[in-house]
Amino acid sequence: MPQSSEPSGLSAAHLEVWASVATLLERLPAALDAQLQRDSGLTHFEHGLLFALDTAPERTLRMSTLAGYASSTLSRLSRAISRLENKAWVRREVDPTDGRVTLAVLTDAGHDAVAQSTPAHHALVEKLVFESLTDQQVRQLGTISRRIAQAIDPAAAAWSPDSRQASPS
C-alpha cells in the first residue's frame, strides 16, 4: 500500500481547539500589556517580576530563580531588571552567603509600584480569564495549563504562592 506524501496533520477537532489556543496566546498577553502600560508604565513581564519579588521572603530572589519563574533567559531578565533599577524599584545585590550569586531585591518604591498596579491588573485577569468560566472550568483550566507547561519543560520552575523561596535546592 503506497504511503501518502501528505504530512500527517492535526485532526479537525484538534485543529479547531489549537486555533482557539493560538488566538488566546496572541490576544491575552497583548491585552494585559496594554492595560499595564496604560495604567502603570509596566509591561506584563515587568509586573510579573515585581509581583514575584513582592511575594518572596524578604522581597528577595536569586536572579536565576526569578528567571525560572518568568520563563526567561538571564539576559532578558537582566535587561528588565536594569529598567526596574532605573526606576529605583529593584536593586541587585551579591548574595552574602555565596558571592557567585546575584540577588534581585524589591525596594520600598517597587513594593508601592506593584501594590498600585496589581488591583487593576487582577481585575482585568478576572474579567478576561475567569468571569466567563464556572468554578469547575477554572479548576480544569488550572489542571490543563499545568499539564501543558510540564509537557513543555518538566523541570521548569513555576511560581505559586506555596513555592516561594529565595534559594531553591
C-alpha atoms as a PDB file:
ATOM      1  CA  MET A   1       0.000   0.000   0.000  1.00  0.00           C
ATOM      2  CA  PRO A   2       1.584   3.332  -1.027  1.00  0.00           C
ATOM      3  CA  GLN A   3       2.394   5.856   1.687  1.00  0.00           C
ATOM      4  CA  SER A   4       0.753   9.247   1.432  1.00  0.00           C
ATOM      5  CA  SER A   5       3.159  12.102   0.759  1.00  0.00           C
ATOM      6  CA  GLU A   6       0.868  14.402   2.745  1.00  0.00           C
ATOM      7  CA  PRO A   7       2.245  15.225   6.202  1.00  0.00           C
ATOM      8  CA  SER A   8       0.039  13.974   8.960  1.00  0.00           C
ATOM      9  CA  GLY A   9      -1.613  16.986  10.452  1.00  0.00           C
ATOM     10  CA  LEU A  10      -3.919  17.763  13.291  1.00  0.00           C
ATOM     11  CA  SER A  11      -7.352  16.224  13.242  1.00  0.00           C
ATOM     12  CA  ALA A  12     -10.193  18.631  12.529  1.00  0.00           C
ATOM     13  CA  ALA A  13     -11.181  18.612  16.216  1.00  0.00           C
ATOM     14  CA  HIS A  14      -7.605  19.273  17.375  1.00  0.00           C
ATOM     15  CA  LEU A  15      -7.129  21.969  14.748  1.00  0.00           C
ATOM     16  CA  GLU A  16     -10.247  23.759  15.971  1.00  0.00           C
ATOM     17  CA  VAL A  17      -9.026  23.667  19.589  1.00  0.00           C
ATOM     18  CA  TRP A  18      -5.495  24.668  18.573  1.00  0.00           C
ATOM     19  CA  ALA A  19      -6.842  27.675  16.667  1.00  0.00           C
ATOM     20  CA  SER A  20      -8.596  28.801  19.849  1.00  0.00           C
ATOM     21  CA  VAL A  21      -5.475  28.276  21.975  1.00  0.00           C
ATOM     22  CA  ALA A  22      -3.267  30.086  19.446  1.00  0.00           C
ATOM     23  CA  THR A  23      -5.684  33.021  19.370  1.00  0.00           C
ATOM     24  CA  LEU A  24      -5.661  33.145  23.182  1.00  0.00           C
ATOM     25  CA  LEU A  25      -1.847  33.058  23.222  1.00  0.00           C
ATOM     26  CA  GLU A  26      -1.759  36.092  20.919  1.00  0.00           C
ATOM     27  CA  ARG A  27      -4.567  38.204  22.355  1.00  0.00           C
ATOM     28  CA  LEU A  28      -4.280  37.741  26.122  1.00  0.00           C
ATOM     29  CA  PRO A  29      -0.671  38.945  26.504  1.00  0.00           C
ATOM     30  CA  ALA A  30      -1.413  41.955  24.293  1.00  0.00           C
ATOM     31  CA  ALA A  31      -4.463  42.892  26.394  1.00  0.00           C
ATOM     32  CA  LEU A  32      -2.545  42.507  29.666  1.00  0.00           C
ATOM     33  CA  ASP A  33       0.411  44.531  28.367  1.00  0.00           C
ATOM     34  CA  ALA A  34      -1.849  47.306  27.089  1.00  0.00           C
ATOM     35  CA  GLN A  35      -3.610  47.719  30.449  1.00  0.00           C
ATOM     36  CA  LEU A  36      -0.407  47.663  32.493  1.00  0.00           C
ATOM     37  CA  GLN A  37       1.391  50.054  30.121  1.00  0.00           C
ATOM     38  CA  ARG A  38      -1.529  52.479  30.149  1.00  0.00           C
ATOM     39  CA  ASP A  39      -2.114  52.391  33.905  1.00  0.00           C
ATOM     40  CA  SER A  40       1.354  51.783  35.348  1.00  0.00           C
ATOM     41  CA  GLY A  41       4.042  52.117  32.694  1.00  0.00           C
ATOM     42  CA  LEU A  42       4.931  48.446  33.116  1.00  0.00           C
ATOM     43  CA  THR A  43       4.978  45.508  30.781  1.00  0.00           C
ATOM     44  CA  HIS A  44       3.252  42.315  31.863  1.00  0.00           C
ATOM     45  CA  PHE A  45       6.714  40.738  32.151  1.00  0.00           C
ATOM     46  CA  GLU A  46       7.975  43.515  34.438  1.00  0.00           C
ATOM     47  CA  HIS A  47       4.844  43.358  36.571  1.00  0.00           C
ATOM     48  CA  GLY A  48       5.342  39.612  36.956  1.00  0.00           C
ATOM     49  CA  LEU A  49       8.904  40.188  38.155  1.00  0.00           C
ATOM     50  CA  LEU A  50       7.802  42.804  40.671  1.00  0.00           C
ATOM     51  CA  PHE A  51       4.952  40.581  41.881  1.00  0.00           C
ATOM     52  CA  ALA A  52       7.257  37.567  42.325  1.00  0.00           C
ATOM     53  CA  LEU A  53       9.717  39.675  44.302  1.00  0.00           C
ATOM     54  CA  ASP A  54       6.949  41.268  46.363  1.00  0.00           C
ATOM     55  CA  THR A  55       5.666  37.858  47.459  1.00  0.00           C
ATOM     56  CA  ALA A  56       9.116  36.327  48.085  1.00  0.00           C
ATOM     57  CA  PRO A  57      10.650  36.093  51.557  1.00  0.00           C
ATOM     58  CA  GLU A  58      12.346  39.409  52.350  1.00  0.00           C
ATOM     59  CA  ARG A  59      11.247  40.537  48.852  1.00  0.00           C
ATOM     60  CA  THR A  60      14.415  38.903  47.524  1.00  0.00           C
ATOM     61  CA  LEU A  61      15.084  36.175  44.949  1.00  0.00           C
ATOM     62  CA  ARG A  62      18.130  34.816  43.212  1.00  0.00           C
ATOM     63  CA  MET A  63      18.230  36.110  39.660  1.00  0.00           C
ATOM     64  CA  SER A  64      18.291  32.508  38.411  1.00  0.00           C
ATOM     65  CA  THR A  65      15.160  31.675  40.431  1.00  0.00           C
ATOM     66  CA  LEU A  66      13.396  34.775  39.130  1.00  0.00           C
ATOM     67  CA  ALA A  67      14.368  33.829  35.563  1.00  0.00           C
ATOM     68  CA  GLY A  68      12.860  30.382  36.124  1.00  0.00           C
ATOM     69  CA  TYR A  69       9.608  31.830  37.445  1.00  0.00           C
ATOM     70  CA  ALA A  70       9.435  34.182  34.459  1.00  0.00           C
ATOM     71  CA  SER A  71      10.435  31.515  31.913  1.00  0.00           C
ATOM     72  CA  SER A  72      13.128  33.943  30.869  1.00  0.00           C
ATOM     73  CA  THR A  73      16.742  33.858  29.855  1.00  0.00           C
ATOM     74  CA  LEU A  74      19.115  35.546  32.266  1.00  0.00           C
ATOM     75  CA  SER A  75      19.890  38.072  29.522  1.00  0.00           C
ATOM     76  CA  ARG A  76      16.247  39.121  29.084  1.00  0.00           C
ATOM     77  CA  LEU A  77      15.779  39.193  32.851  1.00  0.00           C
ATOM     78  CA  SER A  78      18.892  41.332  33.309  1.00  0.00           C
ATOM     79  CA  ARG A  79      17.630  43.912  30.800  1.00  0.00           C
ATOM     80  CA  ALA A  80      14.235  44.068  32.548  1.00  0.00           C
ATOM     81  CA  ILE A  81      15.867  44.351  35.977  1.00  0.00           C
ATOM     82  CA  SER A  82      18.021  47.200  34.625  1.00  0.00           C
ATOM     83  CA  ARG A  83      14.858  49.056  33.555  1.00  0.00           C
ATOM     84  CA  LEU A  84      13.344  48.474  37.009  1.00  0.00           C
ATOM     85  CA  GLU A  85      16.595  49.604  38.683  1.00  0.00           C
ATOM     86  CA  ASN A  86      16.425  52.840  36.676  1.00  0.00           C
ATOM     87  CA  LYS A  87      13.024  53.452  38.285  1.00  0.00           C
ATOM     88  CA  ALA A  88      14.520  52.590  41.734  1.00  0.00           C
ATOM     89  CA  TRP A  89      12.053  49.702  42.101  1.00  0.00           C
ATOM     90  CA  VAL A  90      14.624  46.906  42.249  1.00  0.00           C
ATOM     91  CA  ARG A  91      18.265  46.653  43.199  1.00  0.00           C
ATOM     92  CA  ARG A  92      20.822  43.892  42.656  1.00  0.00           C
ATOM     93  CA  GLU A  93      22.979  42.627  45.483  1.00  0.00           C
ATOM     94  CA  VAL A  94      25.651  39.990  45.773  1.00  0.00           C
ATOM     95  CA  ASP A  95      24.408  37.107  47.927  1.00  0.00           C
ATOM     96  CA  PRO A  96      26.332  37.436  51.221  1.00  0.00           C
ATOM     97  CA  THR A  97      26.325  33.638  51.617  1.00  0.00           C
ATOM     98  CA  ASP A  98      27.578  32.936  48.081  1.00  0.00           C
ATOM     99  CA  GLY A  99      29.439  35.700  46.257  1.00  0.00           C
ATOM    100  CA  ARG A 100      28.835  33.992  42.906  1.00  0.00           C
ATOM    101  CA  VAL A 101      25.078  34.591  43.164  1.00  0.00           C
ATOM    102  CA  THR A 102      23.245  37.821  42.369  1.00  0.00           C
ATOM    103  CA  LEU A 103      20.029  38.622  44.198  1.00  0.00           C
ATOM    104  CA  ALA A 104      17.186  40.819  42.984  1.00  0.00           C
ATOM    105  CA  VAL A 105      15.715  42.851  45.833  1.00  0.00           C
ATOM    106  CA  LEU A 106      12.442  44.779  45.641  1.00  0.00           C
ATOM    107  CA  THR A 107      12.750  48.296  47.076  1.00  0.00           C
ATOM    108  CA  ASP A 108      10.038  50.049  49.051  1.00  0.00           C
ATOM    109  CA  ALA A 109       9.272  52.118  45.945  1.00  0.00           C
ATOM    110  CA  GLY A 110       8.996  48.873  43.956  1.00  0.00           C
ATOM    111  CA  HIS A 111       6.600  47.473  46.523  1.00  0.00           C
ATOM    112  CA  ASP A 112       4.499  50.628  46.189  1.00  0.00           C
ATOM    113  CA  ALA A 113       4.529  50.301  42.381  1.00  0.00           C
ATOM    114  CA  VAL A 114       3.381  46.674  42.405  1.00  0.00           C
ATOM    115  CA  ALA A 115       0.804  47.382  45.123  1.00  0.00           C
ATOM    116  CA  GLN A 116      -0.620  50.203  42.995  1.00  0.00           C
ATOM    117  CA  SER A 117      -0.621  48.254  39.705  1.00  0.00           C
ATOM    118  CA  THR A 118      -1.895  44.886  40.925  1.00  0.00           C
ATOM    119  CA  PRO A 119      -5.596  45.610  41.664  1.00  0.00           C
ATOM    120  CA  ALA A 120      -6.404  46.829  38.129  1.00  0.00           C
ATOM    121  CA  HIS A 121      -4.293  44.056  36.618  1.00  0.00           C
ATOM    122  CA  HIS A 122      -6.058  41.388  38.676  1.00  0.00           C
ATOM    123  CA  ALA A 123      -9.428  42.905  37.787  1.00  0.00           C
ATOM    124  CA  LEU A 124      -8.592  42.553  34.084  1.00  0.00           C
ATOM    125  CA  VAL A 125      -7.413  38.955  34.572  1.00  0.00           C
ATOM    126  CA  GLU A 126     -10.641  38.213  36.442  1.00  0.00           C
ATOM    127  CA  LYS A 127     -12.685  39.750  33.617  1.00  0.00           C
ATOM    128  CA  LEU A 128     -10.825  38.200  30.696  1.00  0.00           C
ATOM    129  CA  VAL A 129      -9.990  34.770  32.096  1.00  0.00           C
ATOM    130  CA  PHE A 130     -12.291  33.815  34.950  1.00  0.00           C
ATOM    131  CA  GLU A 131     -15.549  35.736  34.592  1.00  0.00           C
ATOM    132  CA  SER A 132     -16.980  33.538  31.850  1.00  0.00           C
ATOM    133  CA  LEU A 133     -15.924  30.229  33.455  1.00  0.00           C
ATOM    134  CA  THR A 134     -17.621  28.063  36.049  1.00  0.00           C
ATOM    135  CA  ASP A 135     -15.699  27.009  39.156  1.00  0.00           C
ATOM    136  CA  GLN A 136     -15.255  23.555  37.639  1.00  0.00           C
ATOM    137  CA  GLN A 137     -13.902  25.064  34.397  1.00  0.00           C
ATOM    138  CA  VAL A 138     -11.442  27.165  36.408  1.00  0.00           C
ATOM    139  CA  ARG A 139     -10.129  24.016  38.113  1.00  0.00           C
ATOM    140  CA  GLN A 140      -9.927  22.277  34.730  1.00  0.00           C
ATOM    141  CA  LEU A 141      -8.074  25.238  33.242  1.00  0.00           C
ATOM    142  CA  GLY A 142      -5.532  25.022  36.062  1.00  0.00           C
ATOM    143  CA  THR A 143      -5.043  21.291  35.561  1.00  0.00           C
ATOM    144  CA  ILE A 144      -4.778  21.590  31.788  1.00  0.00           C
ATOM    145  CA  SER A 145      -2.363  24.544  31.968  1.00  0.00           C
ATOM    146  CA  ARG A 146      -0.073  22.739  34.426  1.00  0.00           C
ATOM    147  CA  ARG A 147      -0.040  19.602  32.247  1.00  0.00           C
ATOM    148  CA  ILE A 148       0.849  21.561  29.120  1.00  0.00           C
ATOM    149  CA  ALA A 149       3.544  23.517  30.980  1.00  0.00           C
ATOM    150  CA  GLN A 150       5.050  20.268  32.279  1.00  0.00           C
ATOM    151  CA  ALA A 151       4.980  18.754  28.789  1.00  0.00           C
ATOM    152  CA  ILE A 152       6.934  21.759  27.529  1.00  0.00           C
ATOM    153  CA  ASP A 153       9.521  21.622  30.320  1.00  0.00           C
ATOM    154  CA  PRO A 154       9.126  19.190  33.225  1.00  0.00           C
ATOM    155  CA  ALA A 155      11.968  20.854  35.131  1.00  0.00           C
ATOM    156  CA  ALA A 156      10.829  24.466  34.780  1.00  0.00           C
ATOM    157  CA  ALA A 157      10.167  26.413  37.936  1.00  0.00           C
ATOM    158  CA  ALA A 158       6.571  27.541  38.215  1.00  0.00           C
ATOM    159  CA  TRP A 159       5.592  30.323  40.552  1.00  0.00           C
ATOM    160  CA  SER A 160       2.902  29.565  43.053  1.00  0.00           C
ATOM    161  CA  PRO A 161       2.152  31.001  46.475  1.00  0.00           C
ATOM    162  CA  ASP A 162       3.393  27.730  48.001  1.00  0.00           C
ATOM    163  CA  SER A 163       6.689  27.648  46.067  1.00  0.00           C
ATOM    164  CA  ARG A 164       8.140  30.989  47.145  1.00  0.00           C
ATOM    165  CA  GLN A 165      11.736  30.678  48.178  1.00  0.00           C
ATOM    166  CA  ALA A 166      14.845  32.776  47.871  1.00  0.00           C
ATOM    167  CA  SER A 167      17.174  29.905  47.068  1.00  0.00           C
ATOM    168  CA  PRO A 168      15.793  26.654  45.708  1.00  0.00           C
ATOM    169  CA  SER A 169      17.634  23.455  46.428  1.00  0.00           C
END
